[in-house]
Amino acid sequence: MSLSLGDTFHVPSGERAGYWIVNSISGNGQTFSRRIKDASGDKRLLWGPSPAPLMKLGAKKISVDAIGRVRPAND
């Protein structure tokens, strides 16, 4: 799975279950994401996992179209 700014991914279970949007990416590949429902802009709500923990959680990249349909991104 590749992630870039603005991409959406889904974590199916656990404490961080839900839909997330990539907000920023650091030089070492760590992604900082916020929940899809969060519009506050509060940096304290960012979640910063590196790629390996994301994969262990079963995260999958998704695509959300203009009317809200969710589909697997498959890339």
C-alpha atoms as a PDB file:
ATOM      1  CA  MET A   1       0.000   0.000   0.000  1.00  0.00           C
ATOM      2  CA  SER A   2       1.291   3.431  -0.874  1.00  0.00           C
ATOM      3  CA  LEU A   3       0.147   6.509   1.020  1.00  0.00           C
ATOM      4  CA  SER A   4       0.512  10.158   0.083  1.00  0.00           C
ATOM      5  CA  LEU A   5      -1.009  13.388   1.377  1.00  0.00           C
ATOM      6  CA  GLY A   6      -4.793  13.364   1.299  1.00  0.00           C
ATOM      7  CA  ASP A   7      -5.114   9.576   0.904  1.00  0.00           C
ATOM      8  CA  THR A   8      -7.706   7.752   2.994  1.00  0.00           C
ATOM      9  CA  PHE A   9      -7.261   4.423   4.768  1.00  0.00           C
ATOM     10  CA  HIS A  10      -9.411   2.226   6.987  1.00  0.00           C
ATOM     11  CA  VAL A  11      -8.329   0.495  10.204  1.00  0.00           C
ATOM     12  CA  PRO A  12     -10.846  -2.340  10.794  1.00  0.00           C
ATOM     13  CA  SER A  13     -10.478  -2.962  14.533  1.00  0.00           C
ATOM     14  CA  GLY A  14      -8.787  -1.908  17.738  1.00  0.00           C
ATOM     15  CA  GLU A  15      -8.504   1.384  19.569  1.00  0.00           C
ATOM     16  CA  ARG A  16      -7.824   3.279  16.329  1.00  0.00           C
ATOM     17  CA  ALA A  17     -10.585   1.647  14.261  1.00  0.00           C
ATOM     18  CA  GLY A  18     -12.150   3.909  11.673  1.00  0.00           C
ATOM     19  CA  TYR A  19     -11.365   5.987   8.616  1.00  0.00           C
ATOM     20  CA  TRP A  20      -8.262   8.194   8.534  1.00  0.00           C
ATOM     21  CA  ILE A  21      -6.861  10.826   6.136  1.00  0.00           C
ATOM     22  CA  VAL A  22      -3.108  11.305   5.708  1.00  0.00           C
ATOM     23  CA  ASN A  23      -2.316  14.831   6.911  1.00  0.00           C
ATOM     24  CA  SER A  24       1.492  14.862   6.622  1.00  0.00           C
ATOM     25  CA  ILE A  25       4.469  12.549   6.078  1.00  0.00           C
ATOM     26  CA  SER A  26       7.838  12.922   7.785  1.00  0.00           C
ATOM     27  CA  GLY A  27      11.226  12.280   6.179  1.00  0.00           C
ATOM     28  CA  ASN A  28      11.525   8.833   7.758  1.00  0.00           C
ATOM     29  CA  GLY A  29       8.182   7.673   6.266  1.00  0.00           C
ATOM     30  CA  GLN A  30       6.055   8.132   9.361  1.00  0.00           C
ATOM     31  CA  THR A  31       2.538   9.238   8.426  1.00  0.00           C
ATOM     32  CA  PHE A  32       0.478  11.634  10.511  1.00  0.00           C
ATOM     33  CA  SER A  33      -3.243  11.153  10.031  1.00  0.00           C
ATOM     34  CA  ARG A  34      -6.491  12.490  11.401  1.00  0.00           C
ATOM     35  CA  ARG A  35      -9.914  10.865  11.618  1.00  0.00           C
ATOM     36  CA  ILE A  36     -12.065  11.511   8.578  1.00  0.00           C
ATOM     37  CA  LYS A  37     -14.710  13.220  10.776  1.00  0.00           C
ATOM     38  CA  ASP A  38     -12.220  15.639  12.390  1.00  0.00           C
ATOM     39  CA  ALA A  39     -12.396  19.177  11.019  1.00  0.00           C
ATOM     40  CA  SER A  40     -10.890  20.918  14.045  1.00  0.00           C
ATOM     41  CA  GLY A  41      -7.311  21.177  12.784  1.00  0.00           C
ATOM     42  CA  ASP A  42      -6.054  20.372  16.293  1.00  0.00           C
ATOM     43  CA  LYS A  43      -2.577  18.855  15.918  1.00  0.00           C
ATOM     44  CA  ARG A  44      -2.994  16.979  19.219  1.00  0.00           C
ATOM     45  CA  LEU A  45      -5.542  14.721  17.495  1.00  0.00           C
ATOM     46  CA  LEU A  46      -3.048  13.497  14.881  1.00  0.00           C
ATOM     47  CA  TRP A  47      -2.019   9.843  14.926  1.00  0.00           C
ATOM     48  CA  GLY A  48       1.527   9.093  13.747  1.00  0.00           C
ATOM     49  CA  PRO A  49       2.122   5.397  13.051  1.00  0.00           C
ATOM     50  CA  SER A  50       4.969   4.203  10.866  1.00  0.00           C
ATOM     51  CA  PRO A  51       4.099   1.809   7.993  1.00  0.00           C
ATOM     52  CA  ALA A  52       4.798  -1.476   9.843  1.00  0.00           C
ATOM     53  CA  PRO A  53       2.276  -0.919  12.685  1.00  0.00           C
ATOM     54  CA  LEU A  54      -0.317   0.211  10.143  1.00  0.00           C
ATOM     55  CA  MET A  55       0.050  -3.071   8.281  1.00  0.00           C
ATOM     56  CA  LYS A  56      -0.166  -5.069  11.536  1.00  0.00           C
ATOM     57  CA  LEU A  57      -3.491  -3.365  12.282  1.00  0.00           C
ATOM     58  CA  GLY A  58      -4.815  -4.519   8.911  1.00  0.00           C
ATOM     59  CA  ALA A  59      -5.114  -1.014   7.480  1.00  0.00           C
ATOM     60  CA  LYS A  60      -6.281  -0.832   3.872  1.00  0.00           C
ATOM     61  CA  LYS A  61      -6.152   2.149   1.527  1.00  0.00           C
ATOM     62  CA  ILE A  62      -9.587   3.179   0.276  1.00  0.00           C
ATOM     63  CA  SER A  63     -11.109   5.563  -2.205  1.00  0.00           C
ATOM     64  CA  VAL A  64     -14.098   7.743  -1.339  1.00  0.00           C
ATOM     65  CA  ASP A  65     -15.930   9.300  -4.278  1.00  0.00           C
ATOM     66  CA  ALA A  66     -17.803  12.608  -4.376  1.00  0.00           C
ATOM     67  CA  ILE A  67     -21.054  11.109  -3.093  1.00  0.00           C
ATOM     68  CA  GLY A  68     -19.438   9.128  -0.288  1.00  0.00           C
ATOM     69  CA  ARG A  69     -19.147   5.633  -1.761  1.00  0.00           C
ATOM     70  CA  VAL A  70     -16.204   3.733  -0.264  1.00  0.00           C
ATOM     71  CA  ARG A  71     -14.180   1.361  -2.445  1.00  0.00           C
ATOM     72  CA  PRO A  72     -10.822  -0.417  -2.015  1.00  0.00           C
ATOM     73  CA  ALA A  73      -7.991   1.512  -3.666  1.00  0.00           C
ATOM     74  CA  ASN A  74      -5.988  -1.647  -4.583  1.00  0.00           C
ATOM     75  CA  ASP A  75      -2.609   0.011  -4.998  1.00  0.00           C
END
